[in-house]
N, C-alpha and C. Protein backbone atom coordinates (compact mmCIF):
# COMPACT_ATOMS: atom_id res chain seq x y z
N UNK A 1 46.71 -182.76 54.86
CA UNK A 1 45.90 -182.82 56.06
C UNK A 1 46.82 -182.80 57.27
N UNK A 2 46.74 -181.75 58.05
CA UNK A 2 47.58 -181.60 59.23
C UNK A 2 47.00 -182.41 60.39
N UNK A 3 47.90 -183.01 61.14
CA UNK A 3 47.47 -183.77 62.31
C UNK A 3 47.75 -182.91 63.53
N UNK A 4 46.72 -182.19 63.99
CA UNK A 4 46.89 -181.28 65.11
C UNK A 4 47.11 -181.99 66.43
N UNK A 5 46.81 -183.30 66.48
CA UNK A 5 47.00 -184.05 67.72
C UNK A 5 48.44 -184.54 67.86
N UNK A 6 49.22 -184.44 66.81
CA UNK A 6 50.60 -184.93 66.83
C UNK A 6 51.49 -183.94 67.58
N UNK A 7 52.33 -184.42 68.49
CA UNK A 7 53.24 -183.52 69.21
C UNK A 7 54.16 -182.77 68.24
N UNK A 8 54.56 -181.57 68.64
CA UNK A 8 55.37 -180.71 67.78
C UNK A 8 56.68 -181.39 67.39
N UNK A 9 57.33 -182.09 68.32
CA UNK A 9 58.61 -182.71 67.97
C UNK A 9 58.44 -183.76 66.87
N UNK A 10 57.28 -184.44 66.84
CA UNK A 10 57.02 -185.41 65.77
C UNK A 10 56.72 -184.71 64.45
N UNK A 11 56.05 -183.56 64.51
CA UNK A 11 55.83 -182.79 63.29
C UNK A 11 57.16 -182.31 62.71
N UNK A 12 58.05 -181.87 63.59
CA UNK A 12 59.38 -181.44 63.15
C UNK A 12 60.16 -182.62 62.58
N UNK A 13 60.04 -183.76 63.23
CA UNK A 13 60.68 -184.98 62.74
C UNK A 13 60.19 -185.30 61.34
N UNK A 14 58.89 -185.15 61.10
CA UNK A 14 58.32 -185.43 59.79
C UNK A 14 58.88 -184.48 58.73
N UNK A 15 59.07 -183.22 59.10
CA UNK A 15 59.63 -182.24 58.16
C UNK A 15 61.06 -182.63 57.77
N UNK A 16 61.85 -183.01 58.76
CA UNK A 16 63.23 -183.43 58.50
C UNK A 16 63.24 -184.70 57.65
N UNK A 17 62.40 -185.67 58.02
CA UNK A 17 62.33 -186.94 57.28
C UNK A 17 61.97 -186.68 55.83
N UNK A 18 60.97 -185.83 55.59
CA UNK A 18 60.57 -185.52 54.22
C UNK A 18 61.71 -184.85 53.46
N UNK A 19 62.46 -184.01 54.14
CA UNK A 19 63.59 -183.34 53.50
C UNK A 19 64.67 -184.34 53.10
N UNK A 20 64.89 -185.34 53.91
CA UNK A 20 65.87 -186.38 53.57
C UNK A 20 65.34 -187.22 52.42
N UNK A 21 64.09 -187.65 52.51
CA UNK A 21 63.51 -188.48 51.45
C UNK A 21 63.39 -187.75 50.13
N UNK A 22 63.15 -186.44 50.19
CA UNK A 22 63.02 -185.64 48.97
C UNK A 22 64.38 -185.21 48.40
N UNK A 23 65.47 -185.54 49.09
CA UNK A 23 66.79 -185.22 48.59
C UNK A 23 67.28 -183.82 48.93
N UNK A 24 66.53 -183.10 49.75
CA UNK A 24 66.99 -181.78 50.20
C UNK A 24 68.29 -181.95 50.98
N UNK A 25 68.33 -182.99 51.81
CA UNK A 25 69.54 -183.36 52.54
C UNK A 25 69.93 -184.76 52.11
N UNK A 26 71.04 -184.88 51.42
CA UNK A 26 71.54 -186.18 50.96
C UNK A 26 72.39 -186.80 52.07
N UNK A 27 72.67 -188.08 51.92
CA UNK A 27 73.54 -188.75 52.88
C UNK A 27 74.89 -188.04 52.87
N UNK A 28 75.37 -187.73 54.06
CA UNK A 28 76.63 -187.00 54.21
C UNK A 28 76.45 -185.50 54.35
N UNK A 29 75.26 -185.00 54.04
CA UNK A 29 74.99 -183.56 54.19
C UNK A 29 74.78 -183.20 55.64
N UNK A 30 75.16 -181.98 55.98
CA UNK A 30 74.95 -181.49 57.33
C UNK A 30 73.54 -180.93 57.44
N UNK A 31 72.86 -181.31 58.52
CA UNK A 31 71.54 -180.74 58.81
C UNK A 31 71.71 -179.35 59.41
N UNK A 32 70.67 -178.52 59.33
CA UNK A 32 70.76 -177.22 59.99
C UNK A 32 70.98 -177.40 61.49
N UNK A 33 71.62 -176.45 62.11
CA UNK A 33 71.81 -176.51 63.56
C UNK A 33 70.44 -176.49 64.23
N UNK A 34 70.42 -176.93 65.47
CA UNK A 34 69.18 -176.92 66.25
C UNK A 34 68.60 -175.50 66.27
N UNK A 35 69.45 -174.52 66.55
CA UNK A 35 68.97 -173.14 66.63
C UNK A 35 68.47 -172.63 65.30
N UNK A 36 69.18 -172.94 64.22
CA UNK A 36 68.76 -172.47 62.89
C UNK A 36 67.42 -173.09 62.50
N UNK A 37 67.28 -174.40 62.72
CA UNK A 37 66.03 -175.08 62.36
C UNK A 37 64.88 -174.59 63.25
N UNK A 38 65.17 -174.36 64.52
CA UNK A 38 64.15 -173.85 65.43
C UNK A 38 63.66 -172.48 64.97
N UNK A 39 64.59 -171.61 64.57
CA UNK A 39 64.21 -170.29 64.08
C UNK A 39 63.39 -170.40 62.80
N UNK A 40 63.82 -171.27 61.90
CA UNK A 40 63.12 -171.46 60.62
C UNK A 40 61.69 -171.95 60.84
N UNK A 41 61.52 -172.85 61.79
CA UNK A 41 60.21 -173.46 62.04
C UNK A 41 59.43 -172.75 63.15
N UNK A 42 60.01 -171.72 63.72
CA UNK A 42 59.41 -170.99 64.84
C UNK A 42 59.04 -171.96 65.96
N UNK A 43 60.03 -172.76 66.32
CA UNK A 43 59.84 -173.78 67.35
C UNK A 43 60.87 -173.57 68.47
N UNK A 44 60.60 -174.18 69.59
CA UNK A 44 61.52 -174.14 70.71
C UNK A 44 62.74 -175.01 70.38
N UNK A 45 63.95 -174.50 70.60
CA UNK A 45 65.15 -175.30 70.32
C UNK A 45 65.18 -176.64 71.05
N UNK A 46 64.62 -176.71 72.26
CA UNK A 46 64.58 -177.99 72.98
C UNK A 46 63.69 -179.01 72.26
N UNK A 47 62.64 -178.51 71.62
CA UNK A 47 61.75 -179.39 70.87
C UNK A 47 62.46 -179.90 69.61
N UNK A 48 63.19 -179.03 68.95
CA UNK A 48 63.98 -179.44 67.78
C UNK A 48 65.03 -180.46 68.21
N UNK A 49 65.68 -180.20 69.33
CA UNK A 49 66.71 -181.13 69.83
C UNK A 49 66.10 -182.51 70.07
N UNK A 50 64.87 -182.55 70.56
CA UNK A 50 64.20 -183.84 70.79
C UNK A 50 63.96 -184.57 69.47
N UNK A 51 63.55 -183.83 68.44
CA UNK A 51 63.34 -184.43 67.12
C UNK A 51 64.67 -184.95 66.56
N UNK A 52 65.71 -184.14 66.68
CA UNK A 52 67.03 -184.56 66.19
C UNK A 52 67.53 -185.78 66.97
N UNK A 53 67.26 -185.83 68.26
CA UNK A 53 67.69 -186.96 69.08
C UNK A 53 67.05 -188.26 68.58
N UNK A 54 65.80 -188.17 68.14
CA UNK A 54 65.14 -189.37 67.59
C UNK A 54 65.91 -189.91 66.40
N UNK A 55 66.34 -189.00 65.52
CA UNK A 55 67.11 -189.42 64.35
C UNK A 55 68.44 -190.04 64.76
N UNK A 56 69.06 -189.46 65.77
CA UNK A 56 70.32 -189.99 66.26
C UNK A 56 70.11 -191.38 66.85
N UNK A 57 69.07 -191.55 67.66
CA UNK A 57 68.77 -192.84 68.28
C UNK A 57 68.48 -193.91 67.23
N UNK A 58 67.91 -193.50 66.10
CA UNK A 58 67.55 -194.45 65.04
C UNK A 58 68.71 -194.68 64.07
N UNK A 59 69.83 -194.03 64.30
CA UNK A 59 71.00 -194.22 63.44
C UNK A 59 70.87 -193.53 62.09
N UNK A 60 69.99 -192.54 62.00
CA UNK A 60 69.77 -191.85 60.73
C UNK A 60 70.70 -190.65 60.56
N UNK A 61 71.26 -190.18 61.65
CA UNK A 61 72.21 -189.07 61.60
C UNK A 61 73.43 -189.41 62.46
N UNK A 62 74.52 -188.74 62.15
CA UNK A 62 75.74 -188.89 62.93
C UNK A 62 76.14 -187.51 63.43
N UNK A 63 76.57 -187.45 64.67
CA UNK A 63 76.98 -186.18 65.26
C UNK A 63 78.50 -186.11 65.28
N UNK A 64 79.00 -185.00 64.77
CA UNK A 64 80.42 -184.69 64.91
C UNK A 64 80.49 -183.57 65.92
N UNK A 65 80.88 -183.92 67.11
CA UNK A 65 80.87 -182.98 68.23
C UNK A 65 81.60 -181.70 67.87
N UNK A 66 80.92 -180.58 68.11
CA UNK A 66 81.49 -179.28 67.84
C UNK A 66 81.41 -178.86 66.39
N UNK A 67 80.94 -179.77 65.53
CA UNK A 67 80.86 -179.47 64.09
C UNK A 67 79.40 -179.42 63.64
N UNK A 68 78.68 -180.53 63.84
CA UNK A 68 77.29 -180.57 63.43
C UNK A 68 76.77 -181.99 63.30
N UNK A 69 75.56 -182.06 62.78
CA UNK A 69 74.87 -183.32 62.61
C UNK A 69 74.73 -183.60 61.12
N UNK A 70 75.08 -184.82 60.72
CA UNK A 70 75.10 -185.19 59.31
C UNK A 70 74.17 -186.37 59.05
N UNK A 71 73.57 -186.40 57.86
CA UNK A 71 72.73 -187.54 57.46
C UNK A 71 73.66 -188.73 57.28
N UNK A 72 73.36 -189.83 57.97
CA UNK A 72 74.20 -191.02 57.96
C UNK A 72 74.08 -191.78 56.63
N UNK A 73 75.13 -192.52 56.31
CA UNK A 73 75.09 -193.40 55.14
C UNK A 73 73.98 -194.43 55.35
N UNK A 74 73.19 -194.67 54.34
CA UNK A 74 72.10 -195.63 54.42
C UNK A 74 70.83 -195.07 55.04
N UNK A 75 70.86 -193.81 55.47
CA UNK A 75 69.70 -193.22 56.16
C UNK A 75 68.48 -193.12 55.26
N UNK A 76 68.69 -192.79 54.00
CA UNK A 76 67.54 -192.60 53.10
C UNK A 76 66.75 -193.89 52.95
N UNK A 77 67.43 -194.99 52.69
CA UNK A 77 66.73 -196.26 52.51
C UNK A 77 66.11 -196.74 53.82
N UNK A 78 66.83 -196.57 54.91
CA UNK A 78 66.29 -196.96 56.22
C UNK A 78 65.05 -196.13 56.55
N UNK A 79 65.11 -194.86 56.29
CA UNK A 79 63.98 -193.96 56.54
C UNK A 79 62.81 -194.31 55.63
N UNK A 80 63.11 -194.61 54.36
CA UNK A 80 62.05 -194.99 53.41
C UNK A 80 61.34 -196.25 53.90
N UNK A 81 62.09 -197.21 54.40
CA UNK A 81 61.50 -198.45 54.92
C UNK A 81 60.64 -198.16 56.15
N UNK A 82 61.15 -197.32 57.05
CA UNK A 82 60.40 -196.97 58.26
C UNK A 82 59.09 -196.25 57.90
N UNK A 83 59.17 -195.32 56.97
CA UNK A 83 57.98 -194.57 56.56
C UNK A 83 56.98 -195.47 55.84
N UNK A 84 57.47 -196.39 55.02
CA UNK A 84 56.60 -197.34 54.31
C UNK A 84 55.87 -198.23 55.32
N UNK A 85 56.61 -198.74 56.30
CA UNK A 85 56.00 -199.60 57.32
C UNK A 85 54.94 -198.83 58.12
N UNK A 86 55.25 -197.58 58.46
CA UNK A 86 54.28 -196.75 59.20
C UNK A 86 53.03 -196.51 58.35
N UNK A 87 53.22 -196.23 57.07
CA UNK A 87 52.08 -196.01 56.18
C UNK A 87 51.19 -197.25 56.12
N UNK A 88 51.80 -198.41 55.91
CA UNK A 88 51.02 -199.64 55.79
C UNK A 88 50.33 -200.04 57.09
N UNK A 89 50.93 -199.71 58.22
CA UNK A 89 50.36 -200.09 59.50
C UNK A 89 49.33 -199.09 60.03
N UNK A 90 49.59 -197.79 59.84
CA UNK A 90 48.75 -196.79 60.49
C UNK A 90 47.89 -195.93 59.54
N UNK A 91 48.36 -195.66 58.36
CA UNK A 91 47.65 -194.74 57.47
C UNK A 91 46.75 -195.49 56.49
N UNK A 92 47.27 -196.51 55.86
CA UNK A 92 46.51 -197.22 54.83
C UNK A 92 45.24 -197.91 55.36
N UNK A 93 45.27 -198.62 56.49
CA UNK A 93 44.05 -199.32 56.91
C UNK A 93 42.80 -198.43 57.02
N UNK A 94 42.86 -197.25 57.67
CA UNK A 94 41.65 -196.43 57.70
C UNK A 94 41.27 -195.86 56.33
N UNK A 95 42.27 -195.60 55.49
CA UNK A 95 41.97 -195.12 54.12
C UNK A 95 41.24 -196.22 53.36
N UNK A 96 41.73 -197.44 53.45
CA UNK A 96 41.09 -198.57 52.77
C UNK A 96 39.67 -198.78 53.28
N UNK A 97 39.48 -198.68 54.60
CA UNK A 97 38.12 -198.83 55.15
C UNK A 97 37.19 -197.76 54.59
N UNK A 98 37.66 -196.53 54.51
CA UNK A 98 36.84 -195.44 53.97
C UNK A 98 36.54 -195.69 52.49
N UNK A 99 37.52 -196.16 51.75
CA UNK A 99 37.30 -196.47 50.34
C UNK A 99 36.23 -197.55 50.19
N UNK A 100 36.30 -198.57 51.04
CA UNK A 100 35.31 -199.65 50.98
C UNK A 100 33.92 -199.12 51.31
N UNK A 101 33.83 -198.21 52.28
CA UNK A 101 32.54 -197.62 52.66
C UNK A 101 31.88 -196.90 51.49
N UNK A 102 32.70 -196.22 50.70
CA UNK A 102 32.13 -195.41 49.61
C UNK A 102 32.18 -196.11 48.26
N UNK A 103 32.58 -197.39 48.26
CA UNK A 103 32.56 -198.18 47.04
C UNK A 103 33.66 -197.81 46.05
N UNK A 104 34.80 -197.41 46.56
CA UNK A 104 35.93 -197.04 45.71
C UNK A 104 37.01 -198.09 45.85
N UNK A 105 37.37 -198.73 44.75
CA UNK A 105 38.40 -199.77 44.81
C UNK A 105 39.78 -199.17 44.55
N UNK A 106 40.82 -199.79 45.08
CA UNK A 106 42.17 -199.32 44.78
C UNK A 106 42.44 -199.30 43.28
N UNK A 107 41.92 -200.29 42.55
CA UNK A 107 42.13 -200.33 41.10
C UNK A 107 41.51 -199.12 40.42
N UNK A 108 40.30 -198.73 40.84
CA UNK A 108 39.67 -197.55 40.29
C UNK A 108 40.47 -196.30 40.59
N UNK A 109 40.95 -196.23 41.80
CA UNK A 109 41.76 -195.07 42.20
C UNK A 109 43.02 -194.98 41.35
N UNK A 110 43.68 -196.12 41.13
CA UNK A 110 44.89 -196.11 40.32
C UNK A 110 44.57 -195.81 38.86
N UNK A 111 43.43 -196.30 38.36
CA UNK A 111 43.05 -196.02 36.98
C UNK A 111 42.79 -194.52 36.80
N UNK A 112 42.17 -193.88 37.79
CA UNK A 112 41.91 -192.46 37.72
C UNK A 112 43.21 -191.66 37.71
N UNK A 113 44.24 -192.17 38.41
CA UNK A 113 45.52 -191.50 38.49
C UNK A 113 46.21 -191.47 37.12
N UNK A 114 46.02 -192.54 36.35
CA UNK A 114 46.66 -192.66 35.05
C UNK A 114 45.96 -191.81 33.99
N UNK A 115 44.71 -191.48 34.22
CA UNK A 115 43.93 -190.74 33.21
C UNK A 115 44.39 -189.31 33.08
C-alpha cells in the first residue's frame, strides 16, 4: 500500500532503509552516489541528498569526503529499532482498531499465517 501523502524524500529514505534491513547494503558497504540513486529512482538529486542527509544525521551512514557514503557499524540494529518503534507507534494502532472493528483477533491472524 503506497502512501501518496508521504513526501518523496521520505519514500526514498524508506527504500534505502529497506535495502539496509534486507541486507542489500551491509554495514561497511558503500551506498550508491546521490546521482546514481536519483537516476535509478527517477528522482531529483536534491531530494535524494535530503534523504541521505537524514541517514547521516541519524548516524546510520558515514561520509568519506570525495569517496562516498557508507553504511555505519551498528546501523542495521539501530534502523531495525527505529522502524520497530515507528511501526508500534504509527502503523499498528490503526491496524489493531480495524481488526477489532471486524472481529479479527491477533491470535486468529497468527493462526491463519501458520496454516
